[in-house]
PDB file of all heavy atoms in Angstrom:
ATOM      1  N   LEU A   1     133.291 191.622  90.456  1.00  0.00           N
ATOM      2  CA  LEU A   1     133.653 191.909  89.065  1.00  0.00           C
ATOM      3  C   LEU A   1     132.485 192.519  88.296  1.00  0.00           C
ATOM      4  O   LEU A   1     132.668 193.441  87.490  1.00  0.00           O
ATOM      5  CB  LEU A   1     134.134 190.629  88.369  1.00  0.00           C
ATOM      6  CG  LEU A   1     135.455 190.038  88.887  1.00  0.00           C
ATOM      7  CD1 LEU A   1     135.780 188.737  88.154  1.00  0.00           C
ATOM      8  CD2 LEU A   1     136.597 191.034  88.703  1.00  0.00           C
ATOM      9  N   CYS A   2     131.280 191.993  88.527  1.00  0.00           N
ATOM     10  CA  CYS A   2     130.120 192.508  87.784  1.00  0.00           C
ATOM     11  C   CYS A   2     129.730 193.906  88.252  1.00  0.00           C
ATOM     12  O   CYS A   2     129.427 194.789  87.430  1.00  0.00           O
ATOM     13  CB  CYS A   2     128.939 191.553  87.951  1.00  0.00           C
ATOM     14  SG  CYS A   2     129.165 189.974  87.101  1.00  0.00           S
ATOM     15  N   SER A   3     129.726 194.140  89.557  1.00  0.00           N
ATOM     16  CA  SER A   3     129.337 195.455  90.076  1.00  0.00           C
ATOM     17  C   SER A   3     130.323 196.533  89.642  1.00  0.00           C
ATOM     18  O   SER A   3     129.941 197.698  89.435  1.00  0.00           O
ATOM     19  CB  SER A   3     129.244 195.407  91.597  1.00  0.00           C
ATOM     20  OG  SER A   3     130.501 195.070  92.170  1.00  0.00           O
ATOM     21  N   SER A   4     131.601 196.163  89.482  1.00  0.00           N
ATOM     22  CA  SER A   4     132.597 197.152  89.062  1.00  0.00           C
ATOM     23  C   SER A   4     132.350 197.635  87.647  1.00  0.00           C
ATOM     24  O   SER A   4     132.828 198.708  87.264  1.00  0.00           O
ATOM     25  CB  SER A   4     134.005 196.562  89.166  1.00  0.00           C
ATOM     26  OG  SER A   4     134.167 195.481  88.249  1.00  0.00           O
ATOM     27  N   GLN A   5     131.597 196.854  86.852  1.00  0.00           N
ATOM     28  CA  GLN A   5     131.294 197.245  85.475  1.00  0.00           C
ATOM     29  C   GLN A   5     129.820 197.578  85.281  1.00  0.00           C
ATOM     30  O   GLN A   5     129.350 197.731  84.159  1.00  0.00           O
ATOM     31  CB  GLN A   5     131.696 196.124  84.517  1.00  0.00           C
ATOM     32  CG  GLN A   5     133.189 195.831  84.531  1.00  0.00           C
ATOM     33  CD  GLN A   5     133.611 194.933  83.390  1.00  0.00           C
ATOM     34  OE1 GLN A   5     132.980 194.917  82.331  1.00  0.00           O
ATOM     35  NE2 GLN A   5     134.712 194.204  83.576  1.00  0.00           N
ATOM     36  N   GLY A   6     129.077 197.672  86.383  1.00  0.00           N
ATOM     37  CA  GLY A   6     127.669 198.036  86.306  1.00  0.00           C
ATOM     38  C   GLY A   6     126.793 196.949  85.714  1.00  0.00           C
ATOM     39  O   GLY A   6     125.744 197.248  85.125  1.00  0.00           O
ATOM     40  N   ILE A   7     127.211 195.688  85.865  1.00  0.00           N
ATOM     41  CA  ILE A   7     126.451 194.545  85.343  1.00  0.00           C
ATOM     42  C   ILE A   7     125.875 193.771  86.528  1.00  0.00           C
ATOM     43  O   ILE A   7     126.575 193.497  87.502  1.00  0.00           O
ATOM     44  CB  ILE A   7     127.349 193.612  84.509  1.00  0.00           C
ATOM     45  CG1 ILE A   7     128.002 194.376  83.359  1.00  0.00           C
ATOM     46  CG2 ILE A   7     126.558 192.419  83.991  1.00  0.00           C
ATOM     47  CD1 ILE A   7     127.053 194.875  82.317  1.00  0.00           C
ATOM     48  N   SER A   8     124.588 193.451  86.461  1.00  0.00           N
ATOM     49  CA  SER A   8     123.972 192.646  87.518  1.00  0.00           C
ATOM     50  C   SER A   8     124.252 191.170  87.243  1.00  0.00           C
ATOM     51  O   SER A   8     124.472 190.759  86.100  1.00  0.00           O
ATOM     52  CB  SER A   8     122.460 192.889  87.563  1.00  0.00           C
ATOM     53  OG  SER A   8     121.855 192.483  86.341  1.00  0.00           O
ATOM     54  N   VAL A   9     124.233 190.365  88.326  1.00  0.00           N
ATOM     55  CA  VAL A   9     124.561 188.949  88.200  1.00  0.00           C
ATOM     56  C   VAL A   9     123.551 188.113  88.978  1.00  0.00           C
ATOM     57  O   VAL A   9     123.110 188.502  90.071  1.00  0.00           O
ATOM     58  CB  VAL A   9     125.998 188.665  88.697  1.00  0.00           C
ATOM     59  CG1 VAL A   9     126.168 189.082  90.148  1.00  0.00           C
ATOM     60  CG2 VAL A   9     126.366 187.202  88.516  1.00  0.00           C
ATOM     61  N   ALA A  10     123.178 186.985  88.401  1.00  0.00           N
ATOM     62  CA  ALA A  10     122.307 186.013  89.078  1.00  0.00           C
ATOM     63  C   ALA A  10     123.099 184.726  89.247  1.00  0.00           C
ATOM     64  O   ALA A  10     123.443 184.073  88.254  1.00  0.00           O
ATOM     65  CB  ALA A  10     121.041 185.775  88.260  1.00  0.00           C
ATOM     66  N   PHE A  11     123.401 184.380  90.503  1.00  0.00           N
ATOM     67  CA  PHE A  11     124.235 183.200  90.802  1.00  0.00           C
ATOM     68  C   PHE A  11     123.346 182.103  91.367  1.00  0.00           C
ATOM     69  O   PHE A  11     122.645 182.310  92.366  1.00  0.00           O
ATOM     70  CB  PHE A  11     125.330 183.564  91.805  1.00  0.00           C
ATOM     71  CG  PHE A  11     126.379 182.499  91.968  1.00  0.00           C
ATOM     72  CD1 PHE A  11     127.565 182.559  91.237  1.00  0.00           C
ATOM     73  CD2 PHE A  11     126.186 181.433  92.835  1.00  0.00           C
ATOM     74  CE1 PHE A  11     128.542 181.595  91.397  1.00  0.00           C
ATOM     75  CE2 PHE A  11     127.154 180.463  92.988  1.00  0.00           C
ATOM     76  CZ  PHE A  11     128.331 180.539  92.265  1.00  0.00           C
ATOM     77  N   GLN A  12     123.372 180.925  90.735  1.00  0.00           N
ATOM     78  CA  GLN A  12     122.536 179.792  91.166  1.00  0.00           C
ATOM     79  C   GLN A  12     123.417 178.574  91.427  1.00  0.00           C
ATOM     80  O   GLN A  12     124.121 178.104  90.530  1.00  0.00           O
ATOM     81  CB  GLN A  12     121.490 179.456  90.094  1.00  0.00           C
ATOM     82  CG  GLN A  12     120.559 178.313  90.475  1.00  0.00           C
ATOM     83  CD  GLN A  12     119.563 177.995  89.367  1.00  0.00           C
ATOM     84  OE1 GLN A  12     119.563 178.649  88.314  1.00  0.00           O
ATOM     85  NE2 GLN A  12     118.712 177.018  89.589  1.00  0.00           N
ATOM     86  N   ASN A  13     123.369 178.058  92.646  1.00  0.00           N
ATOM     87  CA  ASN A  13     124.145 176.874  93.031  1.00  0.00           C
ATOM     88  C   ASN A  13     123.191 175.730  93.341  1.00  0.00           C
ATOM     89  O   ASN A  13     122.467 175.768  94.342  1.00  0.00           O
ATOM     90  CB  ASN A  13     125.025 177.188  94.249  1.00  0.00           C
ATOM     91  CG  ASN A  13     125.816 175.973  94.714  1.00  0.00           C
ATOM     92  OD1 ASN A  13     125.940 174.992  93.992  1.00  0.00           O
ATOM     93  ND2 ASN A  13     126.337 176.036  95.924  1.00  0.00           N
ATOM     94  N   ASN A  14     123.172 174.707  92.471  1.00  0.00           N
ATOM     95  CA  ASN A  14     122.267 173.563  92.644  1.00  0.00           C
ATOM     96  C   ASN A  14     122.944 172.347  93.260  1.00  0.00           C
ATOM     97  O   ASN A  14     122.395 171.243  93.231  1.00  0.00           O
ATOM     98  CB  ASN A  14     121.675 173.156  91.283  1.00  0.00           C
ATOM     99  CG  ASN A  14     120.834 174.262  90.681  1.00  0.00           C
ATOM    100  OD1 ASN A  14     120.215 175.040  91.405  1.00  0.00           O
ATOM    101  ND2 ASN A  14     120.821 174.352  89.358  1.00  0.00           N
ATOM    102  N   ILE A  15     124.128 172.505  93.813  1.00  0.00           N
ATOM    103  CA  ILE A  15     124.898 171.371  94.336  1.00  0.00           C
ATOM    104  C   ILE A  15     124.574 171.170  95.809  1.00  0.00           C
ATOM    105  O   ILE A  15     124.683 172.089  96.620  1.00  0.00           O
ATOM    106  CB  ILE A  15     126.411 171.611  94.152  1.00  0.00           C
ATOM    107  CG1 ILE A  15     126.728 171.768  92.654  1.00  0.00           C
ATOM    108  CG2 ILE A  15     127.223 170.465  94.745  1.00  0.00           C
ATOM    109  CD1 ILE A  15     128.166 172.126  92.367  1.00  0.00           C
ATOM    110  N   LYS A  16     124.160 169.941  96.157  1.00  0.00           N
ATOM    111  CA  LYS A  16     123.778 169.612  97.531  1.00  0.00           C
ATOM    112  C   LYS A  16     124.875 168.870  98.290  1.00  0.00           C
ATOM    113  O   LYS A  16     124.776 168.699  99.500  1.00  0.00           O
ATOM    114  CB  LYS A  16     122.512 168.763  97.522  1.00  0.00           C
ATOM    115  CG  LYS A  16     121.342 169.383  96.764  1.00  0.00           C
ATOM    116  CD  LYS A  16     120.949 170.732  97.362  1.00  0.00           C
ATOM    117  CE  LYS A  16     119.774 171.352  96.603  1.00  0.00           C
ATOM    118  NZ  LYS A  16     119.423 172.682  97.143  1.00  0.00           N
ATOM    119  N   LYS A  17     125.895 168.397  97.596  1.00  0.00           N
ATOM    120  CA  LYS A  17     126.961 167.659  98.263  1.00  0.00           C
ATOM    121  C   LYS A  17     127.696 168.549  99.257  1.00  0.00           C
ATOM    122  O   LYS A  17     127.759 169.773  99.096  1.00  0.00           O
ATOM    123  CB  LYS A  17     127.961 167.111  97.239  1.00  0.00           C
ATOM    124  CG  LYS A  17     127.513 165.838  96.541  1.00  0.00           C
ATOM    125  CD  LYS A  17     128.609 165.343  95.608  1.00  0.00           C
ATOM    126  CE  LYS A  17     128.259 163.988  95.032  1.00  0.00           C
ATOM    127  NZ  LYS A  17     128.265 162.930  96.047  1.00  0.00           N
ATOM    128  N   CYS A  18     128.262 167.908 100.279  1.00  0.00           N
ATOM    129  CA  CYS A  18     129.052 168.648 101.267  1.00  0.00           C
ATOM    130  C   CYS A  18     130.470 168.903 100.771  1.00  0.00           C
ATOM    131  O   CYS A  18     131.043 169.956 101.049  1.00  0.00           O
ATOM    132  CB  CYS A  18     129.086 167.876 102.589  1.00  0.00           C
ATOM    133  SG  CYS A  18     127.469 167.711 103.378  1.00  0.00           S
ATOM    134  N   SER A  19     131.019 167.925 100.039  1.00  0.00           N
ATOM    135  CA  SER A  19     132.397 168.081  99.575  1.00  0.00           C
ATOM    136  C   SER A  19     132.657 167.172  98.386  1.00  0.00           C
ATOM    137  O   SER A  19     131.939 166.193  98.168  1.00  0.00           O
ATOM    138  CB  SER A  19     133.389 167.754 100.699  1.00  0.00           C
ATOM    139  OG  SER A  19     133.279 166.400 101.078  1.00  0.00           O
ATOM    140  N   PHE A  20     133.673 167.531  97.617  1.00  0.00           N
ATOM    141  CA  PHE A  20     134.192 166.674  96.558  1.00  0.00           C
ATOM    142  C   PHE A  20     135.634 167.073  96.286  1.00  0.00           C
ATOM    143  O   PHE A  20     136.109 168.097  96.780  1.00  0.00           O
ATOM    144  CB  PHE A  20     133.353 166.712  95.280  1.00  0.00           C
ATOM    145  CG  PHE A  20     132.974 168.093  94.819  1.00  0.00           C
ATOM    146  CD1 PHE A  20     133.936 169.061  94.592  1.00  0.00           C
ATOM    147  CD2 PHE A  20     131.643 168.422  94.608  1.00  0.00           C
ATOM    148  CE1 PHE A  20     133.593 170.325  94.166  1.00  0.00           C
ATOM    149  CE2 PHE A  20     131.296 169.694  94.178  1.00  0.00           C
ATOM    150  CZ  PHE A  20     132.269 170.637  93.956  1.00  0.00           C
ATOM    151  N   ALA A  21     136.321 166.232  95.505  1.00  0.00           N
ATOM    152  CA  ALA A  21     137.750 166.461  95.242  1.00  0.00           C
ATOM    153  C   ALA A  21     137.930 167.149  93.900  1.00  0.00           C
ATOM    154  O   ALA A  21     137.563 166.607  92.865  1.00  0.00           O
ATOM    155  CB  ALA A  21     138.515 165.140  95.262  1.00  0.00           C
ATOM    156  N   ILE A  22     138.476 168.368  93.923  1.00  0.00           N
ATOM    157  CA  ILE A  22     138.760 169.117  92.706  1.00  0.00           C
ATOM    158  C   ILE A  22     140.071 169.884  92.906  1.00  0.00           C
ATOM    159  O   ILE A  22     140.584 169.998  94.015  1.00  0.00           O
ATOM    160  CB  ILE A  22     137.633 170.122  92.355  1.00  0.00           C
ATOM    161  CG1 ILE A  22     137.431 171.101  93.525  1.00  0.00           C
ATOM    162  CG2 ILE A  22     136.349 169.409  91.994  1.00  0.00           C
ATOM    163  CD1 ILE A  22     136.498 172.245  93.199  1.00  0.00           C
ATOM    164  N   ASP A  23     140.579 170.420  91.806  1.00  0.00           N
ATOM    165  CA  ASP A  23     141.678 171.374  91.886  1.00  0.00           C
ATOM    166  C   ASP A  23     141.033 172.753  91.919  1.00  0.00           C
ATOM    167  O   ASP A  23     140.672 173.324  90.882  1.00  0.00           O
ATOM    168  CB  ASP A  23     142.610 171.231  90.674  1.00  0.00           C
ATOM    169  CG  ASP A  23     143.881 172.051  90.803  1.00  0.00           C
ATOM    170  OD1 ASP A  23     143.797 173.178  91.321  1.00  0.00           O
ATOM    171  OD2 ASP A  23     144.951 171.569  90.395  1.00  0.00           O
ATOM    172  N   SER A  24     140.846 173.288  93.108  1.00  0.00           N
ATOM    173  CA  SER A  24     140.076 174.524  93.272  1.00  0.00           C
ATOM    174  C   SER A  24     140.710 175.705  92.542  1.00  0.00           C
ATOM    175  O   SER A  24     139.994 176.566  92.010  1.00  0.00           O
ATOM    176  CB  SER A  24     139.912 174.841  94.757  1.00  0.00           C
ATOM    177  OG  SER A  24     141.169 174.930  95.400  1.00  0.00           O
ATOM    178  N   GLU A  25     142.037 175.752  92.479  1.00  0.00           N
ATOM    179  CA  GLU A  25     142.699 176.875  91.799  1.00  0.00           C
ATOM    180  C   GLU A  25     142.416 176.847  90.304  1.00  0.00           C
ATOM    181  O   GLU A  25     142.155 177.895  89.691  1.00  0.00           O
ATOM    182  CB  GLU A  25     144.204 176.816  92.060  1.00  0.00           C
ATOM    183  CG  GLU A  25     144.587 177.039  93.521  1.00  0.00           C
ATOM    184  CD  GLU A  25     146.084 177.003  93.739  1.00  0.00           C
ATOM    185  OE1 GLU A  25     146.819 176.830  92.733  1.00  0.00           O
ATOM    186  OE2 GLU A  25     146.520 177.154  94.893  1.00  0.00           O
ATOM    187  N   ALA A  26     142.454 175.643  89.712  1.00  0.00           N
ATOM    188  CA  ALA A  26     142.167 175.537  88.281  1.00  0.00           C
ATOM    189  C   ALA A  26     140.719 175.908  87.994  1.00  0.00           C
ATOM    190  O   ALA A  26     140.422 176.631  87.023  1.00  0.00           O
ATOM    191  CB  ALA A  26     142.465 174.127  87.793  1.00  0.00           C
ATOM    192  N   VAL A  27     139.788 175.421  88.823  1.00  0.00           N
ATOM    193  CA  VAL A  27     138.367 175.728  88.625  1.00  0.00           C
ATOM    194  C   VAL A  27     138.127 177.226  88.773  1.00  0.00           C
ATOM    195  O   VAL A  27     137.375 177.834  87.992  1.00  0.00           O
ATOM    196  CB  VAL A  27     137.502 174.930  89.623  1.00  0.00           C
ATOM    197  CG1 VAL A  27     136.040 175.346  89.517  1.00  0.00           C
ATOM    198  CG2 VAL A  27     137.641 173.435  89.358  1.00  0.00           C
ATOM    199  N   LEU A  28     138.762 177.842  89.769  1.00  0.00           N
ATOM    200  CA  LEU A  28     138.585 179.277  89.980  1.00  0.00           C
ATOM    201  C   LEU A  28     139.138 180.079  88.796  1.00  0.00           C
ATOM    202  O   LEU A  28     138.522 181.063  88.366  1.00  0.00           O
ATOM    203  CB  LEU A  28     139.291 179.699  91.271  1.00  0.00           C
ATOM    204  CG  LEU A  28     139.177 181.179  91.669  1.00  0.00           C
ATOM    205  CD1 LEU A  28     137.718 181.580  91.826  1.00  0.00           C
ATOM    206  CD2 LEU A  28     139.947 181.447  92.960  1.00  0.00           C
ATOM    207  N   GLN A  29     140.267 179.669  88.235  1.00  0.00           N
ATOM    208  CA  GLN A  29     140.826 180.387  87.093  1.00  0.00           C
ATOM    209  C   GLN A  29     139.910 180.273  85.884  1.00  0.00           C
ATOM    210  O   GLN A  29     139.704 181.251  85.151  1.00  0.00           O
ATOM    211  CB  GLN A  29     142.216 179.851  86.745  1.00  0.00           C
ATOM    212  CG  GLN A  29     142.893 180.632  85.623  1.00  0.00           C
ATOM    213  CD  GLN A  29     144.344 180.265  85.440  1.00  0.00           C
ATOM    214  OE1 GLN A  29     144.893 179.467  86.185  1.00  0.00           O
ATOM    215  NE2 GLN A  29     144.979 180.841  84.425  1.00  0.00           N
ATOM    216  N   VAL A  30     139.354 179.070  85.653  1.00  0.00           N
ATOM    217  CA  VAL A  30     138.406 178.904  84.545  1.00  0.00           C
ATOM    218  C   VAL A  30     137.188 179.800  84.758  1.00  0.00           C
ATOM    219  O   VAL A  30     136.711 180.465  83.829  1.00  0.00           O
ATOM    220  CB  VAL A  30     137.977 177.423  84.418  1.00  0.00           C
ATOM    221  CG1 VAL A  30     136.836 177.284  83.414  1.00  0.00           C
ATOM    222  CG2 VAL A  30     139.156 176.565  83.984  1.00  0.00           C
ATOM    223  N   PHE A  31     136.692 179.804  85.990  1.00  0.00           N
ATOM    224  CA  PHE A  31     135.518 180.642  86.310  1.00  0.00           C
ATOM    225  C   PHE A  31     135.805 182.110  86.017  1.00  0.00           C
ATOM    226  O   PHE A  31     134.988 182.805  85.385  1.00  0.00           O
ATOM    227  CB  PHE A  31     135.148 180.443  87.786  1.00  0.00           C
ATOM    228  CG  PHE A  31     134.025 181.309  88.249  1.00  0.00           C
ATOM    229  CD1 PHE A  31     132.701 180.998  87.944  1.00  0.00           C
ATOM    230  CD2 PHE A  31     134.273 182.461  89.000  1.00  0.00           C
ATOM    231  CE1 PHE A  31     131.654 181.806  88.372  1.00  0.00           C
ATOM    232  CE2 PHE A  31     133.237 183.268  89.431  1.00  0.00           C
ATOM    233  CZ  PHE A  31     131.926 182.944  89.118  1.00  0.00           C
ATOM    234  N   GLU A  32     136.955 182.612  86.438  1.00  0.00           N
ATOM    235  CA  GLU A  32     137.290 184.017  86.213  1.00  0.00           C
ATOM    236  C   GLU A  32     137.457 184.313  84.726  1.00  0.00           C
ATOM    237  O   GLU A  32     137.044 185.389  84.250  1.00  0.00           O
ATOM    238  CB  GLU A  32     138.570 184.360  86.973  1.00  0.00           C
ATOM    239  CG  GLU A  32     138.399 184.362  88.488  1.00  0.00           C
ATOM    240  CD  GLU A  32     139.698 184.621  89.214  1.00  0.00           C
ATOM    241  OE1 GLU A  32     140.763 184.615  88.549  1.00  0.00           O
ATOM    242  OE2 GLU A  32     139.664 184.820  90.448  1.00  0.00           O
ATOM    243  N   ASN A  33     138.041 183.377  83.972  1.00  0.00           N
ATOM    244  CA  ASN A  33     138.214 183.602  82.530  1.00  0.00           C
ATOM    245  C   ASN A  33     136.872 183.656  81.816  1.00  0.00           C
ATOM    246  O   ASN A  33     136.637 184.518  80.955  1.00  0.00           O
ATOM    247  CB  ASN A  33     139.076 182.499  81.928  1.00  0.00           C
ATOM    248  CG  ASN A  33     140.541 182.629  82.309  1.00  0.00           C
ATOM    249  OD1 ASN A  33     140.934 183.547  83.007  1.00  0.00           O
ATOM    250  ND2 ASN A  33     141.363 181.700  81.849  1.00  0.00           N
ATOM    251  N   LEU A  34     135.966 182.741  82.161  1.00  0.00           N
ATOM    252  CA  LEU A  34     134.648 182.725  81.517  1.00  0.00           C
ATOM    253  C   LEU A  34     133.838 183.959  81.903  1.00  0.00           C
ATOM    254  O   LEU A  34     133.146 184.548  81.068  1.00  0.00           O
ATOM    255  CB  LEU A  34     133.883 181.462  81.898  1.00  0.00           C
ATOM    256  CG  LEU A  34     134.502 180.120  81.484  1.00  0.00           C
ATOM    257  CD1 LEU A  34     133.525 178.974  81.760  1.00  0.00           C
ATOM    258  CD2 LEU A  34     134.884 180.124  80.010  1.00  0.00           C
ATOM    259  N   LEU A  35     133.930 184.320  83.179  1.00  0.00           N
ATOM    260  CA  LEU A  35     133.203 185.508  83.624  1.00  0.00           C
ATOM    261  C   LEU A  35     133.766 186.762  82.956  1.00  0.00           C
ATOM    262  O   LEU A  35     133.007 187.651  82.535  1.00  0.00           O
ATOM    263  CB  LEU A  35     133.289 185.629  85.142  1.00  0.00           C
ATOM    264  CG  LEU A  35     132.531 186.794  85.774  1.00  0.00           C
ATOM    265  CD1 LEU A  35     131.044 186.721  85.438  1.00  0.00           C
ATOM    266  CD2 LEU A  35     132.725 186.810  87.290  1.00  0.00           C
ATOM    267  N   GLY A  36     135.098 186.838  82.839  1.00  0.00           N
ATOM    268  CA  GLY A  36     135.702 187.988  82.161  1.00  0.00           C
ATOM    269  C   GLY A  36     135.267 188.085  80.712  1.00  0.00           C
ATOM    270  O   GLY A  36     135.002 189.186  80.204  1.00  0.00           O
ATOM    271  N   ASN A  37     135.155 186.932  80.036  1.00  0.00           N
ATOM    272  CA  ASN A  37     134.673 186.942  78.652  1.00  0.00           C
ATOM    273  C   ASN A  37     133.227 187.411  78.582  1.00  0.00           C
ATOM    274  O   ASN A  37     132.849 188.179  77.688  1.00  0.00           O
ATOM    275  CB  ASN A  37     134.799 185.535  78.063  1.00  0.00           C
ATOM    276  CG  ASN A  37     134.449 185.493  76.589  1.00  0.00           C
ATOM    277  OD1 ASN A  37     135.262 185.775  75.726  1.00  0.00           O
ATOM    278  ND2 ASN A  37     133.195 185.132  76.291  1.00  0.00           N
ATOM    279  N   ALA A  38     132.398 186.948  79.538  1.00  0.00           N
ATOM    280  CA  ALA A  38     130.989 187.360  79.550  1.00  0.00           C
ATOM    281  C   ALA A  38     130.863 188.859  79.789  1.00  0.00           C
ATOM    282  O   ALA A  38     130.031 189.541  79.158  1.00  0.00           O
ATOM    283  CB  ALA A  38     130.231 186.577  80.619  1.00  0.00           C
ATOM    284  N   LEU A  39     131.692 189.413  80.676  1.00  0.00           N
ATOM    285  CA  LEU A  39     131.607 190.839  80.981  1.00  0.00           C
ATOM    286  C   LEU A  39     132.052 191.704  79.800  1.00  0.00           C
ATOM    287  O   LEU A  39     131.624 192.863  79.678  1.00  0.00           O
ATOM    288  CB  LEU A  39     132.461 191.163  82.210  1.00  0.00           C
ATOM    289  CG  LEU A  39     131.944 190.589  83.538  1.00  0.00           C
ATOM    290  CD1 LEU A  39     132.909 190.883  84.670  1.00  0.00           C
ATOM    291  CD2 LEU A  39     130.555 191.143  83.853  1.00  0.00           C
TER     292      LEU A  39
END
């Protein structure tokens, strides 16, 4: 998404756990909405 608009991105993942229980689809939709707003 960032490269398509000529924006550079710095992605930092500080999570060391192997797994946890989440609704991945909901989290992914929130991520895309926030990223779209930032872009």
